[in-house]
Amino acid sequence: LCLGVVIDQSGSMHGREQHAAAVSALAMAEAFDSLNAPVMVCGPRNGGRGARGGRNGYMTDYYHEDSHTGQEGYSVGNGSLQYHRHERIVLDVFKDWDESFKQVKHRFSSVQATGSTPLSDGIQFAMQELNTRPERHRIIVVLTDGCPDNSAVVTRQIRLAREAGITVIGVGISGAEYAVPALFVDHHIVVDDLRELPKRMIEVVGAIVFPRTAKRAALDGRVGSKRARRRA
């Protein structure tokens, strides 16, 4: 088993949610590290100057839906350029695969809450990292309080991850009881009390690694049991 954790560092995470996400990620990193299971923790955030375009040099039509394709994204100027990212993205790596928890635990105090929600960049990084891992069970946990900048991109990433055998779990912290289940349909947790998180995480990860029910094969006929043969 290996685990990639993505922390939402958007501005709406300021305060209680920011602390909860940092503590949750730290707890998971410590627990998996103690089991010698590789774990990586990252956090995407906005950083630097935003995109510029249009006649006055500033972004217009901040959010745009293409009338021809129906696809949503950001647009610049006359809408001819569309994309899901409108600022430079910084990816903070709080723990890398080959680093011990004791070496890096101080970094978790640096979790930020600023800007918008570029979750797709964090999920993309985690997927790329997990693509190189040899473990049988590869899991991404996303700690967030709501919606990403572009949910369509994340929905596609979850589908691609599923096809590659990577499980993505959305963990909704404080007030994400609607957004997180709607986006992370297959696997999600919503907790209002941080103390509930360890138990819920164990339940979800355990169900993935040790499924309660196994698929049954379609059989032609049935061999009699030992008891039936003896009786005959």
C-alpha atoms as a PDB file:
ATOM      1  CA  LEU A   1       0.000   0.000   0.000  1.00  0.00           C
ATOM      2  CA  CYS A   2       1.189   3.528  -0.788  1.00  0.00           C
ATOM      3  CA  LEU A   3      -0.556   6.809  -0.144  1.00  0.00           C
ATOM      4  CA  GLY A   4      -0.515  10.244  -1.760  1.00  0.00           C
ATOM      5  CA  VAL A   5      -2.143  13.050   0.255  1.00  0.00           C
ATOM      6  CA  VAL A   6      -3.281  16.314  -1.364  1.00  0.00           C
ATOM      7  CA  ILE A   7      -4.034  19.258   0.940  1.00  0.00           C
ATOM      8  CA  ASP A   8      -6.388  22.027  -0.165  1.00  0.00           C
ATOM      9  CA  GLN A   9      -4.526  25.289   0.558  1.00  0.00           C
ATOM     10  CA  SER A  10      -7.214  27.676  -0.734  1.00  0.00           C
ATOM     11  CA  GLY A  11      -8.218  30.843   1.112  1.00  0.00           C
ATOM     12  CA  SER A  12     -11.492  29.333   2.329  1.00  0.00           C
ATOM     13  CA  MET A  13      -9.468  26.849   4.401  1.00  0.00           C
ATOM     14  CA  HIS A  14      -8.269  29.642   6.691  1.00  0.00           C
ATOM     15  CA  GLY A  15      -8.620  28.984  10.399  1.00  0.00           C
ATOM     16  CA  ARG A  16     -10.216  25.799  11.688  1.00  0.00           C
ATOM     17  CA  GLU A  17     -10.194  24.007   8.336  1.00  0.00           C
ATOM     18  CA  GLN A  18      -6.531  24.820   7.685  1.00  0.00           C
ATOM     19  CA  HIS A  19      -5.561  23.418  11.083  1.00  0.00           C
ATOM     20  CA  ALA A  20      -7.735  20.324  10.588  1.00  0.00           C
ATOM     21  CA  ALA A  21      -6.216  19.583   7.179  1.00  0.00           C
ATOM     22  CA  ALA A  22      -2.651  19.990   8.468  1.00  0.00           C
ATOM     23  CA  VAL A  23      -3.264  17.782  11.513  1.00  0.00           C
ATOM     24  CA  SER A  24      -5.072  15.155   9.398  1.00  0.00           C
ATOM     25  CA  ALA A  25      -2.282  14.983   6.839  1.00  0.00           C
ATOM     26  CA  LEU A  26       0.342  14.840   9.572  1.00  0.00           C
ATOM     27  CA  ALA A  27      -1.514  12.006  11.327  1.00  0.00           C
ATOM     28  CA  MET A  28      -1.816   9.977   8.116  1.00  0.00           C
ATOM     29  CA  ALA A  29       1.834  10.555   7.235  1.00  0.00           C
ATOM     30  CA  GLU A  30       2.948   9.417  10.677  1.00  0.00           C
ATOM     31  CA  ALA A  31       0.669   6.351  10.688  1.00  0.00           C
ATOM     32  CA  PHE A  32       1.637   5.096   7.215  1.00  0.00           C
ATOM     33  CA  ASP A  33       5.320   5.864   7.792  1.00  0.00           C
ATOM     34  CA  SER A  34       5.257   3.778  10.981  1.00  0.00           C
ATOM     35  CA  LEU A  35       3.907   0.867   8.915  1.00  0.00           C
ATOM     36  CA  ASN A  36       6.714   1.309   6.365  1.00  0.00           C
ATOM     37  CA  ALA A  37       4.101   2.184   3.740  1.00  0.00           C
ATOM     38  CA  PRO A  38       5.391   4.883   1.358  1.00  0.00           C
ATOM     39  CA  VAL A  39       3.539   8.188   1.715  1.00  0.00           C
ATOM     40  CA  MET A  40       3.797  11.540  -0.070  1.00  0.00           C
ATOM     41  CA  VAL A  41       2.026  14.727   1.046  1.00  0.00           C
ATOM     42  CA  CYS A  42       1.649  17.799  -1.166  1.00  0.00           C
ATOM     43  CA  GLY A  43      -0.422  20.977  -1.239  1.00  0.00           C
ATOM     44  CA  PRO A  44      -1.222  23.053  -4.355  1.00  0.00           C
ATOM     45  CA  ARG A  45      -1.785  26.811  -4.045  1.00  0.00           C
ATOM     46  CA  ASN A  46      -1.792  29.968  -6.123  1.00  0.00           C
ATOM     47  CA  GLY A  47       1.520  31.771  -6.312  1.00  0.00           C
ATOM     48  CA  GLY A  48       2.646  34.674  -8.429  1.00  0.00           C
ATOM     49  CA  ARG A  49       1.158  36.933 -11.068  1.00  0.00           C
ATOM     50  CA  GLY A  50      -2.134  35.979 -12.689  1.00  0.00           C
ATOM     51  CA  ALA A  51      -2.859  35.636 -16.385  1.00  0.00           C
ATOM     52  CA  ARG A  52      -3.166  38.740 -18.554  1.00  0.00           C
ATOM     53  CA  GLY A  53      -4.960  39.250 -21.828  1.00  0.00           C
ATOM     54  CA  GLY A  54      -7.598  41.275 -23.637  1.00  0.00           C
ATOM     55  CA  ARG A  55      -7.373  44.743 -25.115  1.00  0.00           C
ATOM     56  CA  ASN A  56      -6.501  46.440 -21.814  1.00  0.00           C
ATOM     57  CA  GLY A  57      -4.012  43.805 -20.732  1.00  0.00           C
ATOM     58  CA  TYR A  58      -6.321  42.358 -18.077  1.00  0.00           C
ATOM     59  CA  MET A  59      -8.342  39.197 -17.952  1.00  0.00           C
ATOM     60  CA  THR A  60     -11.943  39.418 -19.111  1.00  0.00           C
ATOM     61  CA  ASP A  61     -14.653  36.766 -18.868  1.00  0.00           C
ATOM     62  CA  TYR A  62     -12.980  35.232 -15.837  1.00  0.00           C
ATOM     63  CA  TYR A  63     -15.137  32.114 -16.120  1.00  0.00           C
ATOM     64  CA  HIS A  64     -16.456  31.135 -19.535  1.00  0.00           C
ATOM     65  CA  GLU A  65     -18.575  28.405 -21.065  1.00  0.00           C
ATOM     66  CA  ASP A  66     -17.894  27.712 -24.711  1.00  0.00           C
ATOM     67  CA  SER A  67     -21.155  28.038 -26.639  1.00  0.00           C
ATOM     68  CA  HIS A  68     -19.973  25.516 -29.227  1.00  0.00           C
ATOM     69  CA  THR A  69     -18.631  22.721 -27.041  1.00  0.00           C
ATOM     70  CA  GLY A  70     -20.375  23.424 -23.745  1.00  0.00           C
ATOM     71  CA  GLN A  71     -17.066  22.958 -21.957  1.00  0.00           C
ATOM     72  CA  GLU A  72     -16.229  25.227 -19.086  1.00  0.00           C
ATOM     73  CA  GLY A  73     -12.904  26.920 -18.433  1.00  0.00           C
ATOM     74  CA  TYR A  74     -11.191  30.255 -18.072  1.00  0.00           C
ATOM     75  CA  SER A  75     -10.945  32.587 -21.040  1.00  0.00           C
ATOM     76  CA  VAL A  76      -8.796  35.544 -21.952  1.00  0.00           C
ATOM     77  CA  GLY A  77      -9.706  38.420 -24.250  1.00  0.00           C
ATOM     78  CA  ASN A  78     -12.298  37.368 -26.797  1.00  0.00           C
ATOM     79  CA  GLY A  79     -12.639  33.873 -25.342  1.00  0.00           C
ATOM     80  CA  SER A  80     -10.415  32.186 -27.933  1.00  0.00           C
ATOM     81  CA  LEU A  81      -8.014  30.931 -25.253  1.00  0.00           C
ATOM     82  CA  GLN A  82      -9.468  28.663 -22.568  1.00  0.00           C
ATOM     83  CA  TYR A  83      -7.792  26.920 -19.704  1.00  0.00           C
ATOM     84  CA  HIS A  84      -8.512  25.718 -16.183  1.00  0.00           C
ATOM     85  CA  ARG A  85      -5.648  27.588 -14.485  1.00  0.00           C
ATOM     86  CA  HIS A  86      -5.453  31.373 -14.257  1.00  0.00           C
ATOM     87  CA  GLU A  87      -2.419  31.841 -11.971  1.00  0.00           C
ATOM     88  CA  ARG A  88       0.984  30.301 -11.472  1.00  0.00           C
ATOM     89  CA  ILE A  89       0.688  27.252  -9.221  1.00  0.00           C
ATOM     90  CA  VAL A  90       3.044  26.335  -6.403  1.00  0.00           C
ATOM     91  CA  LEU A  91       3.165  22.739  -5.198  1.00  0.00           C
ATOM     92  CA  ASP A  92       4.404  22.454  -1.620  1.00  0.00           C
ATOM     93  CA  VAL A  93       5.770  18.985  -0.833  1.00  0.00           C
ATOM     94  CA  PHE A  94       5.451  18.428   2.902  1.00  0.00           C
ATOM     95  CA  LYS A  95       6.727  14.846   2.739  1.00  0.00           C
ATOM     96  CA  ASP A  96       8.306  12.966  -0.142  1.00  0.00           C
ATOM     97  CA  TRP A  97       8.321   9.186  -0.586  1.00  0.00           C
ATOM     98  CA  ASP A  98      11.873   8.607   0.595  1.00  0.00           C
ATOM     99  CA  GLU A  99      11.740  10.995   3.574  1.00  0.00           C
ATOM    100  CA  SER A 100      11.041   9.763   7.086  1.00  0.00           C
ATOM    101  CA  PHE A 101       8.259  11.384   9.052  1.00  0.00           C
ATOM    102  CA  LYS A 102      10.645  12.512  11.785  1.00  0.00           C
ATOM    103  CA  GLN A 103      12.716  14.403   9.209  1.00  0.00           C
ATOM    104  CA  VAL A 104       9.821  16.460   7.860  1.00  0.00           C
ATOM    105  CA  LYS A 105       7.121  16.714  10.538  1.00  0.00           C
ATOM    106  CA  HIS A 106       7.987  20.387  11.133  1.00  0.00           C
ATOM    107  CA  ARG A 107       6.899  21.233   7.567  1.00  0.00           C
ATOM    108  CA  PHE A 108       3.234  20.576   8.333  1.00  0.00           C
ATOM    109  CA  SER A 109       3.094  23.774  10.378  1.00  0.00           C
ATOM    110  CA  SER A 110       3.629  25.626   7.073  1.00  0.00           C
ATOM    111  CA  VAL A 111       0.288  24.616   5.524  1.00  0.00           C
ATOM    112  CA  GLN A 112      -1.265  27.775   4.072  1.00  0.00           C
ATOM    113  CA  ALA A 113      -4.732  29.069   3.175  1.00  0.00           C
ATOM    114  CA  THR A 114      -4.611  31.497   0.264  1.00  0.00           C
ATOM    115  CA  GLY A 115      -6.065  32.143  -3.178  1.00  0.00           C
ATOM    116  CA  SER A 116      -8.384  29.884  -5.137  1.00  0.00           C
ATOM    117  CA  THR A 117      -8.595  26.075  -5.203  1.00  0.00           C
ATOM    118  CA  PRO A 118      -6.225  24.505  -7.802  1.00  0.00           C
ATOM    119  CA  LEU A 119      -6.884  20.977  -6.527  1.00  0.00           C
ATOM    120  CA  SER A 120      -6.497  19.482  -9.997  1.00  0.00           C
ATOM    121  CA  ASP A 121      -2.794  20.384 -10.020  1.00  0.00           C
ATOM    122  CA  GLY A 122      -2.255  18.595  -6.712  1.00  0.00           C
ATOM    123  CA  ILE A 123      -4.188  15.533  -7.882  1.00  0.00           C
ATOM    124  CA  GLN A 124      -2.251  15.523 -11.161  1.00  0.00           C
ATOM    125  CA  PHE A 125       1.055  15.576  -9.280  1.00  0.00           C
ATOM    126  CA  ALA A 126      -0.081  12.742  -7.004  1.00  0.00           C
ATOM    127  CA  MET A 127      -1.230  10.661  -9.995  1.00  0.00           C
ATOM    128  CA  GLN A 128       2.076  11.166 -11.793  1.00  0.00           C
ATOM    129  CA  GLU A 129       3.962  10.119  -8.661  1.00  0.00           C
ATOM    130  CA  LEU A 130       1.789   7.050  -8.073  1.00  0.00           C
ATOM    131  CA  ASN A 131       2.244   5.976 -11.696  1.00  0.00           C
ATOM    132  CA  THR A 132       5.840   5.099 -10.833  1.00  0.00           C
ATOM    133  CA  ARG A 133       5.002   3.165  -7.672  1.00  0.00           C
ATOM    134  CA  PRO A 134       5.031  -0.674  -7.707  1.00  0.00           C
ATOM    135  CA  GLU A 135       2.633  -1.180  -4.773  1.00  0.00           C
ATOM    136  CA  ARG A 136      -0.571  -3.111  -5.370  1.00  0.00           C
ATOM    137  CA  HIS A 137      -2.853  -0.601  -3.626  1.00  0.00           C
ATOM    138  CA  ARG A 138      -2.279   3.027  -4.637  1.00  0.00           C
ATOM    139  CA  ILE A 139      -4.466   5.610  -2.931  1.00  0.00           C
ATOM    140  CA  ILE A 140      -4.859   9.391  -3.168  1.00  0.00           C
ATOM    141  CA  VAL A 141      -6.528  11.226  -0.288  1.00  0.00           C
ATOM    142  CA  VAL A 142      -7.725  14.770  -1.009  1.00  0.00           C
ATOM    143  CA  LEU A 143      -8.372  16.963   2.055  1.00  0.00           C
ATOM    144  CA  THR A 144     -10.674  19.844   1.104  1.00  0.00           C
ATOM    145  CA  ASP A 145     -13.545  22.024   2.298  1.00  0.00           C
ATOM    146  CA  GLY A 146     -15.337  22.393  -1.015  1.00  0.00           C
ATOM    147  CA  CYS A 147     -15.144  22.710  -4.792  1.00  0.00           C
ATOM    148  CA  PRO A 148     -11.990  22.915  -6.944  1.00  0.00           C
ATOM    149  CA  ASP A 149     -11.452  25.691  -9.481  1.00  0.00           C
ATOM    150  CA  ASN A 150     -12.616  23.357 -12.224  1.00  0.00           C
ATOM    151  CA  SER A 151     -14.581  20.308 -11.137  1.00  0.00           C
ATOM    152  CA  ALA A 152     -14.719  18.917 -14.706  1.00  0.00           C
ATOM    153  CA  VAL A 153     -10.947  18.470 -14.707  1.00  0.00           C
ATOM    154  CA  VAL A 154     -11.016  16.669 -11.356  1.00  0.00           C
ATOM    155  CA  THR A 155     -13.877  14.420 -12.493  1.00  0.00           C
ATOM    156  CA  ARG A 156     -11.776  13.356 -15.489  1.00  0.00           C
ATOM    157  CA  GLN A 157      -8.732  12.784 -13.270  1.00  0.00           C
ATOM    158  CA  ILE A 158     -10.766  10.528 -10.962  1.00  0.00           C
ATOM    159  CA  ARG A 159     -11.925   8.500 -13.972  1.00  0.00           C
ATOM    160  CA  LEU A 160      -8.376   8.166 -15.329  1.00  0.00           C
ATOM    161  CA  ALA A 161      -7.131   7.164 -11.881  1.00  0.00           C
ATOM    162  CA  ARG A 162      -9.844   4.525 -11.578  1.00  0.00           C
ATOM    163  CA  GLU A 163      -8.888   3.077 -14.964  1.00  0.00           C
ATOM    164  CA  ALA A 164      -5.258   2.871 -13.785  1.00  0.00           C
ATOM    165  CA  GLY A 165      -6.210   1.143 -10.537  1.00  0.00           C
ATOM    166  CA  ILE A 166      -5.586   4.225  -8.385  1.00  0.00           C
ATOM    167  CA  THR A 167      -8.240   4.997  -5.774  1.00  0.00           C
ATOM    168  CA  VAL A 168      -9.077   8.655  -5.061  1.00  0.00           C
ATOM    169  CA  ILE A 169     -10.764   9.437  -1.733  1.00  0.00           C
ATOM    170  CA  GLY A 170     -12.259  12.862  -1.087  1.00  0.00           C
ATOM    171  CA  VAL A 171     -12.223  13.952   2.548  1.00  0.00           C
ATOM    172  CA  GLY A 172     -14.582  16.847   3.231  1.00  0.00           C
ATOM    173  CA  ILE A 173     -13.657  18.993   6.197  1.00  0.00           C
ATOM    174  CA  SER A 174     -16.278  21.314   7.717  1.00  0.00           C
ATOM    175  CA  GLY A 175     -19.172  22.270   5.481  1.00  0.00           C
ATOM    176  CA  ALA A 176     -18.292  20.049   2.519  1.00  0.00           C
ATOM    177  CA  GLU A 177     -21.173  17.629   3.018  1.00  0.00           C
ATOM    178  CA  TYR A 178     -22.596  18.362  -0.452  1.00  0.00           C
ATOM    179  CA  ALA A 179     -19.653  19.277  -2.663  1.00  0.00           C
ATOM    180  CA  VAL A 180     -17.301  16.410  -1.758  1.00  0.00           C
ATOM    181  CA  PRO A 181     -19.788  13.496  -2.148  1.00  0.00           C
ATOM    182  CA  ALA A 182     -20.952  14.963  -5.466  1.00  0.00           C
ATOM    183  CA  LEU A 183     -17.395  15.162  -6.833  1.00  0.00           C
ATOM    184  CA  PHE A 184     -15.782  12.095  -5.244  1.00  0.00           C
ATOM    185  CA  VAL A 185     -18.698   9.777  -5.899  1.00  0.00           C
ATOM    186  CA  ASP A 186     -16.947   6.413  -5.446  1.00  0.00           C
ATOM    187  CA  HIS A 187     -15.046   7.105  -2.226  1.00  0.00           C
ATOM    188  CA  HIS A 188     -15.598  10.016   0.144  1.00  0.00           C
ATOM    189  CA  ILE A 189     -15.667  10.969   3.818  1.00  0.00           C
ATOM    190  CA  VAL A 190     -17.226  14.055   5.364  1.00  0.00           C
ATOM    191  CA  VAL A 191     -16.277  14.918   8.945  1.00  0.00           C
ATOM    192  CA  ASP A 192     -17.286  17.845  11.127  1.00  0.00           C
ATOM    193  CA  ASP A 193     -15.288  16.608  14.101  1.00  0.00           C
ATOM    194  CA  LEU A 194     -11.590  15.967  13.438  1.00  0.00           C
ATOM    195  CA  ARG A 195     -11.650  13.200  16.048  1.00  0.00           C
ATOM    196  CA  GLU A 196     -13.838  11.141  13.705  1.00  0.00           C
ATOM    197  CA  LEU A 197     -11.311  11.176  10.877  1.00  0.00           C
ATOM    198  CA  PRO A 198      -8.950   8.325  11.923  1.00  0.00           C
ATOM    199  CA  LYS A 199     -11.809   5.856  12.348  1.00  0.00           C
ATOM    200  CA  ARG A 200     -13.473   6.858   9.094  1.00  0.00           C
ATOM    201  CA  MET A 201     -10.184   6.682   7.186  1.00  0.00           C
ATOM    202  CA  ILE A 202      -9.513   3.177   8.505  1.00  0.00           C
ATOM    203  CA  GLU A 203     -13.005   2.089   7.430  1.00  0.00           C
ATOM    204  CA  VAL A 204     -12.607   3.398   3.866  1.00  0.00           C
ATOM    205  CA  VAL A 205      -9.029   2.222   3.300  1.00  0.00           C
ATOM    206  CA  GLY A 206      -9.848  -1.130   4.901  1.00  0.00           C
ATOM    207  CA  ALA A 207     -12.816  -1.623   2.575  1.00  0.00           C
ATOM    208  CA  ILE A 208     -10.537  -1.008  -0.439  1.00  0.00           C
ATOM    209  CA  VAL A 209      -7.707  -3.292   0.666  1.00  0.00           C
ATOM    210  CA  PHE A 210      -9.888  -5.964   2.309  1.00  0.00           C
ATOM    211  CA  PRO A 211     -13.288  -5.978   0.578  1.00  0.00           C
ATOM    212  CA  ARG A 212     -16.036  -7.589   2.644  1.00  0.00           C
ATOM    213  CA  THR A 213     -17.550  -9.431  -0.281  1.00  0.00           C
ATOM    214  CA  ALA A 214     -15.798 -11.099  -3.185  1.00  0.00           C
ATOM    215  CA  LYS A 215     -17.247 -11.497  -6.666  1.00  0.00           C
ATOM    216  CA  ARG A 216     -18.736 -14.905  -7.358  1.00  0.00           C
ATOM    217  CA  ALA A 217     -17.925 -16.807 -10.503  1.00  0.00           C
ATOM    218  CA  ALA A 218     -20.702 -18.067 -12.749  1.00  0.00           C
ATOM    219  CA  LEU A 219     -20.639 -21.880 -12.491  1.00  0.00           C
ATOM    220  CA  ASP A 220     -22.069 -24.608 -14.728  1.00  0.00           C
ATOM    221  CA  GLY A 221     -23.537 -27.152 -12.357  1.00  0.00           C
ATOM    222  CA  ARG A 222     -22.428 -27.809  -8.808  1.00  0.00           C
ATOM    223  CA  VAL A 223     -20.218 -30.471  -7.186  1.00  0.00           C
ATOM    224  CA  GLY A 224     -21.870 -32.168  -4.241  1.00  0.00           C
ATOM    225  CA  SER A 225     -20.437 -31.484  -0.800  1.00  0.00           C
ATOM    226  CA  LYS A 226     -18.442 -34.024   1.192  1.00  0.00           C
ATOM    227  CA  ARG A 227     -21.446 -34.525   3.468  1.00  0.00           C
ATOM    228  CA  ALA A 228     -23.697 -35.256   0.487  1.00  0.00           C
ATOM    229  CA  ARG A 229     -21.232 -37.760  -0.966  1.00  0.00           C
ATOM    230  CA  ARG A 230     -20.942 -39.569   2.341  1.00  0.00           C
ATOM    231  CA  ARG A 231     -24.684 -39.739   2.639  1.00  0.00           C
ATOM    232  CA  ALA A 232     -24.892 -41.268  -0.854  1.00  0.00           C
END
